[in-house]
Amino acid sequence: MKPPLKRRVPKPRNPYVSLVLARKAGEHEKTPGAKRQAEKQALKKRLAEQ
């Protein structure tokens, strides 16, 4: 008869990770797609004014 398998105890979670993730700041600049879209709208607006 085989000896029972040892149960692996999971590694304890780092308590500071969740705090750091919650404190993470949002984006500080527009995405490339948003910049491109804004430029396209500005171009259309300038062309419409002429």
C-alpha atoms as a PDB file:
ATOM      1  CA  MET A   1       0.000   0.000   0.000  1.00  0.00           C
ATOM      2  CA  LYS A   2       1.316   3.432  -0.988  1.00  0.00           C
ATOM      3  CA  PRO A   3       1.723   6.154   1.631  1.00  0.00           C
ATOM      4  CA  PRO A   4      -0.812   8.976   1.288  1.00  0.00           C
ATOM      5  CA  LEU A   5       0.257  11.896  -0.896  1.00  0.00           C
ATOM      6  CA  LYS A   6       1.342  15.016   0.906  1.00  0.00           C
ATOM      7  CA  ARG A   7      -1.015  17.940   0.406  1.00  0.00           C
ATOM      8  CA  ARG A   8       0.759  21.016  -0.843  1.00  0.00           C
ATOM      9  CA  VAL A   9       0.026  24.074   1.212  1.00  0.00           C
ATOM     10  CA  PRO A  10      -0.439  27.127  -1.041  1.00  0.00           C
ATOM     11  CA  LYS A  11       2.038  29.939  -0.683  1.00  0.00           C
ATOM     12  CA  PRO A  12       0.593  32.793   1.390  1.00  0.00           C
ATOM     13  CA  ARG A  13      -0.440  35.801  -0.674  1.00  0.00           C
ATOM     14  CA  ASN A  14       1.512  39.012  -0.405  1.00  0.00           C
ATOM     15  CA  PRO A  15      -0.796  41.409   1.526  1.00  0.00           C
ATOM     16  CA  TYR A  16       0.838  44.490  -0.016  1.00  0.00           C
ATOM     17  CA  VAL A  17       0.070  43.627  -3.648  1.00  0.00           C
ATOM     18  CA  SER A  18      -3.635  44.411  -3.407  1.00  0.00           C
ATOM     19  CA  LEU A  19      -2.888  47.744  -1.740  1.00  0.00           C
ATOM     20  CA  VAL A  20      -0.467  48.727  -4.506  1.00  0.00           C
ATOM     21  CA  LEU A  21      -2.893  47.701  -7.248  1.00  0.00           C
ATOM     22  CA  ALA A  22      -5.702  49.697  -5.639  1.00  0.00           C
ATOM     23  CA  ARG A  23      -3.482  52.778  -5.418  1.00  0.00           C
ATOM     24  CA  LYS A  24      -2.371  52.564  -9.055  1.00  0.00           C
ATOM     25  CA  ALA A  25      -3.134  55.812 -10.893  1.00  0.00           C
ATOM     26  CA  GLY A  26      -5.177  55.990 -14.061  1.00  0.00           C
ATOM     27  CA  GLU A  27      -3.865  56.967 -17.442  1.00  0.00           C
ATOM     28  CA  HIS A  28      -2.313  60.404 -17.705  1.00  0.00           C
ATOM     29  CA  GLU A  29      -2.435  60.827 -21.448  1.00  0.00           C
ATOM     30  CA  LYS A  30      -4.753  59.924 -24.280  1.00  0.00           C
ATOM     31  CA  THR A  31      -4.334  56.659 -26.125  1.00  0.00           C
ATOM     32  CA  PRO A  32      -2.911  56.766 -29.665  1.00  0.00           C
ATOM     33  CA  GLY A  33      -6.364  55.975 -31.062  1.00  0.00           C
ATOM     34  CA  ALA A  34      -7.940  58.866 -29.160  1.00  0.00           C
ATOM     35  CA  LYS A  35      -5.209  61.239 -30.375  1.00  0.00           C
ATOM     36  CA  ARG A  36      -5.710  60.106 -33.972  1.00  0.00           C
ATOM     37  CA  GLN A  37      -9.473  60.539 -33.692  1.00  0.00           C
ATOM     38  CA  ALA A  38      -9.114  64.048 -32.212  1.00  0.00           C
ATOM     39  CA  GLU A  39      -6.737  65.063 -35.031  1.00  0.00           C
ATOM     40  CA  LYS A  40      -9.148  63.704 -37.625  1.00  0.00           C
ATOM     41  CA  GLN A  41     -12.054  65.659 -36.093  1.00  0.00           C
ATOM     42  CA  ALA A  42      -9.954  68.843 -35.950  1.00  0.00           C
ATOM     43  CA  LEU A  43      -9.025  68.430 -39.625  1.00  0.00           C
ATOM     44  CA  LYS A  44     -12.672  67.946 -40.613  1.00  0.00           C
ATOM     45  CA  LYS A  45     -13.615  71.041 -38.603  1.00  0.00           C
ATOM     46  CA  ARG A  46     -10.916  73.179 -40.313  1.00  0.00           C
ATOM     47  CA  LEU A  47     -11.941  71.936 -43.753  1.00  0.00           C
ATOM     48  CA  ALA A  48     -15.612  72.689 -43.026  1.00  0.00           C
ATOM     49  CA  GLU A  49     -14.756  76.258 -41.969  1.00  0.00           C
ATOM     50  CA  GLN A  50     -13.099  77.050 -45.316  1.00  0.00           C
END
